[in-house]
Protein backbone atom coordinates (compact mmCIF):
# COMPACT_ATOMS: atom_id res chain seq x y z
CA MET A 1 -31.91 -19.68 -61.59
CA GLN A 2 -32.83 -19.44 -57.87
CA LEU A 3 -30.80 -17.56 -55.56
CA GLU A 4 -30.00 -20.93 -53.89
CA ASP A 5 -28.65 -22.44 -56.88
CA VAL A 6 -26.52 -19.18 -57.61
CA TYR A 7 -25.12 -19.29 -53.99
CA LYS A 8 -24.14 -22.97 -54.50
CA HIS A 9 -22.72 -22.67 -57.62
CA TYR A 10 -21.01 -19.55 -57.35
CA MET A 11 -20.34 -19.03 -53.64
CA ASN A 12 -16.71 -20.31 -53.63
CA ASP A 13 -15.76 -18.25 -56.32
CA LEU A 14 -16.94 -15.09 -55.02
CA TYR A 15 -15.37 -16.03 -51.82
CA ARG A 16 -11.89 -16.50 -52.85
CA TYR A 17 -12.31 -13.35 -54.95
CA LEU A 18 -13.57 -11.03 -51.83
CA TYR A 19 -10.72 -13.06 -49.69
CA SER A 20 -8.08 -11.84 -52.09
CA LEU A 21 -9.20 -8.25 -52.17
CA SER A 22 -9.77 -8.10 -48.40
CA LYS A 23 -7.22 -10.61 -47.15
CA ASN A 24 -9.47 -11.33 -44.31
CA HIS A 25 -11.57 -14.30 -43.71
CA HIS A 26 -14.29 -12.19 -41.83
CA VAL A 27 -14.60 -9.35 -43.96
CA ALA A 28 -15.11 -11.48 -47.34
CA GLU A 29 -17.76 -13.60 -45.53
CA ASP A 30 -19.38 -10.38 -44.62
CA LEU A 31 -18.82 -8.99 -48.11
CA MET A 32 -20.07 -12.19 -50.03
CA GLN A 33 -23.31 -12.30 -47.69
CA GLU A 34 -23.72 -8.55 -48.62
CA ALA A 35 -23.29 -9.50 -52.30
CA PHE A 36 -26.04 -12.43 -52.17
CA TYR A 37 -28.19 -10.09 -50.12
CA ARG A 38 -28.21 -7.31 -52.94
CA ALA A 39 -28.41 -10.30 -55.77
CA TYR A 40 -31.75 -11.37 -53.48
CA LEU A 41 -33.00 -7.71 -53.71
CA THR A 42 -32.54 -7.52 -57.46
CA LEU A 43 -33.03 -10.94 -58.77
CA ALA A 44 -36.78 -10.88 -58.08
CA ASP A 45 -37.23 -7.67 -59.97
CA TYR A 46 -34.73 -8.00 -62.98
CA GLU A 47 -33.60 -11.15 -65.46
CA ILE A 48 -29.94 -10.88 -65.85
CA ASN A 49 -28.01 -12.70 -68.43
CA ASN A 50 -24.69 -13.56 -66.99
CA ILE A 51 -25.23 -14.21 -63.39
CA LYS A 52 -21.52 -14.58 -62.44
CA ALA A 53 -20.22 -11.62 -64.40
CA TRP A 54 -22.46 -9.44 -62.20
CA LEU A 55 -22.03 -11.15 -59.07
CA PHE A 56 -18.48 -10.46 -59.22
CA LYS A 57 -19.56 -6.81 -60.15
CA VAL A 58 -21.63 -6.49 -57.11
CA ALA A 59 -19.02 -8.03 -54.97
CA TYR A 60 -16.27 -5.49 -56.25
CA HIS A 61 -18.39 -2.80 -55.42
CA ALA A 62 -19.41 -3.82 -51.85
CA PHE A 63 -15.62 -4.14 -51.43
CA ILE A 64 -15.18 -0.39 -52.37
CA ASP A 65 -17.96 0.53 -50.05
CA HIS A 66 -16.58 -1.37 -47.37
CA GLN A 67 -12.90 0.10 -48.00
CA ARG A 68 -14.35 3.49 -48.21
CA LYS A 69 -16.37 3.10 -44.84
CA ASN A 70 -13.39 1.85 -43.02
CA LYS A 71 -10.89 3.82 -45.22
CA LYS A 72 -8.24 1.00 -45.13
CA THR A 73 -5.64 0.36 -47.95
CA ILE A 74 -6.40 -1.92 -50.61
CA VAL A 75 -4.21 -4.93 -50.60
CA THR A 76 -4.93 -7.97 -52.87
CA ASP A 77 -3.81 -11.39 -52.42
CA GLU A 78 -5.73 -14.24 -54.41
CA ILE A 79 -5.48 -17.48 -52.08
CA LYS A 80 -6.39 -20.09 -54.59
CA GLU A 81 -7.25 -23.52 -53.51
CA ILE A 82 -5.13 -26.53 -55.01
CA VAL A 83 -7.95 -28.69 -56.67
CA ASP A 84 -5.82 -30.50 -59.01
CA MET A 85 -4.93 -33.68 -56.83
CA ARG A 86 -4.15 -35.97 -60.34
CA GLU A 87 -1.17 -37.79 -59.57
CA ASN A 88 0.60 -35.09 -57.96
CA THR A 89 3.61 -35.72 -55.82
CA PRO A 90 3.78 -33.99 -52.58
CA GLU A 91 7.05 -32.35 -54.14
CA SER A 92 5.22 -31.11 -57.11
CA LYS A 93 2.47 -29.65 -55.18
CA MET A 94 4.76 -27.86 -52.79
CA LEU A 95 6.36 -26.26 -55.88
CA GLU A 96 3.27 -25.40 -57.54
CA LYS A 97 2.34 -23.81 -54.31
CA GLU A 98 5.28 -22.21 -53.95
CA SER A 99 5.05 -20.52 -57.68
CA PHE A 100 1.49 -19.68 -56.80
CA LEU A 101 2.52 -17.67 -53.61
CA LEU A 102 5.37 -15.93 -55.52
CA LEU A 103 2.81 -15.02 -58.39
CA ILE A 104 0.65 -13.49 -55.73
CA GLU A 105 4.03 -11.69 -54.33
CA ASP A 106 4.58 -10.13 -57.43
CA LEU A 107 1.27 -9.21 -58.29
CA LYS A 108 1.74 -6.64 -55.14
CA CYS A 109 4.02 -4.77 -57.69
CA LEU A 110 1.18 -3.44 -59.81
CA LYS A 111 -1.16 -0.72 -59.78
CA GLU A 112 -4.61 -1.62 -58.00
CA ILE A 113 -6.66 -1.41 -61.60
CA GLU A 114 -4.11 -3.83 -63.01
CA LYS A 115 -4.03 -6.25 -60.22
CA GLN A 116 -7.97 -6.25 -60.60
CA ALA A 117 -7.85 -6.58 -64.17
CA VAL A 118 -5.34 -9.53 -64.20
CA LEU A 119 -6.97 -11.27 -61.17
CA LEU A 120 -10.34 -11.16 -63.02
CA CYS A 121 -9.03 -12.04 -66.31
CA ASP A 122 -6.61 -14.64 -65.74
CA LEU A 123 -7.40 -16.01 -62.37
CA ASN A 124 -11.00 -15.85 -62.16
CA GLU A 125 -11.68 -16.52 -66.01
CA LEU A 126 -13.97 -13.64 -66.58
CA SER A 127 -14.16 -12.24 -70.32
CA TYR A 128 -12.84 -8.80 -70.98
CA GLN A 129 -16.37 -7.60 -71.16
CA GLU A 130 -17.26 -8.69 -67.76
CA VAL A 131 -14.30 -7.44 -66.58
CA ALA A 132 -14.99 -3.93 -68.00
CA GLU A 133 -18.12 -3.93 -66.54
CA ILE A 134 -17.09 -4.71 -63.10
CA LEU A 135 -14.20 -2.47 -62.80
CA ASN A 136 -16.65 0.42 -64.93
CA ILE A 137 -13.83 0.93 -67.45
CA LYS A 138 -13.74 1.01 -71.16
CA MET A 139 -12.78 -2.40 -72.87
CA ASN A 140 -9.39 -0.63 -74.67
CA THR A 141 -8.52 0.76 -71.13
CA LEU A 142 -8.95 -2.45 -69.64
CA LYS A 143 -6.80 -4.13 -72.35
CA SER A 144 -4.24 -1.64 -71.50
CA HIS A 145 -4.08 -2.39 -67.73
CA ILE A 146 -4.00 -6.14 -68.45
CA SER A 147 -1.17 -5.62 -71.19
CA ARG A 148 0.98 -3.72 -68.58
CA GLY A 149 -0.10 -5.69 -65.61
CA ARG A 150 0.95 -9.05 -67.46
CA LYS A 151 4.31 -7.29 -68.73
CA LYS A 152 5.12 -6.23 -65.27
CA LEU A 153 4.68 -9.57 -64.18
CA VAL A 154 6.93 -11.15 -66.59
CA GLU A 155 9.80 -8.89 -65.98
CA ARG A 156 9.82 -9.40 -62.32
CA VAL A 157 9.52 -13.24 -62.78
CA LYS A 158 12.73 -12.83 -65.02
CA GLU A 159 14.18 -10.86 -62.41
CA ARG A 160 13.82 -13.45 -59.53
CA MET A 161 14.87 -16.39 -61.87
CA ASN A 162 17.99 -14.26 -62.50
CA LEU A 163 18.76 -13.68 -59.14
CA ASP A 164 17.87 -17.46 -58.41
CA GLU A 165 20.66 -18.54 -61.11
CA ARG A 166 23.18 -16.24 -59.45
CA ARG A 167 22.51 -17.52 -56.39
CA ALA A 168 23.01 -21.36 -57.50
């Protein structure tokens, strides 16, 4: 694959992931540029089997480098576009968006590694192997973090539902 094709195919996913990490449009764009710059330098010399996972790994490391450089706290919010426009009413779209924003709020209660694991596996649909490589952790450790993260999210959603029932 040529770099231009890779860029066109993965730029939106990579931007959303970097935006979720940085919570800043300009930083996400800069990090995306850095990731594709590193891809430009590497793709000429190496044959990469899974370009998507590799790009996410490069982007993650660019983000970590940026955080170290700027010494800011890592805060993750995943802003995901609602692409499914099939016969959804404005009301259902609003409820879906609100639910998604509540899920993003719930992600804040997780440890950073759990957030990253859940975001990469569940929202960006990467395989466990790919995520383990991106986060530079063992597969079993990743599975533990995903399991704990999902469990905490479910508990948090149940708590919110109980509070909503009491108010009603």
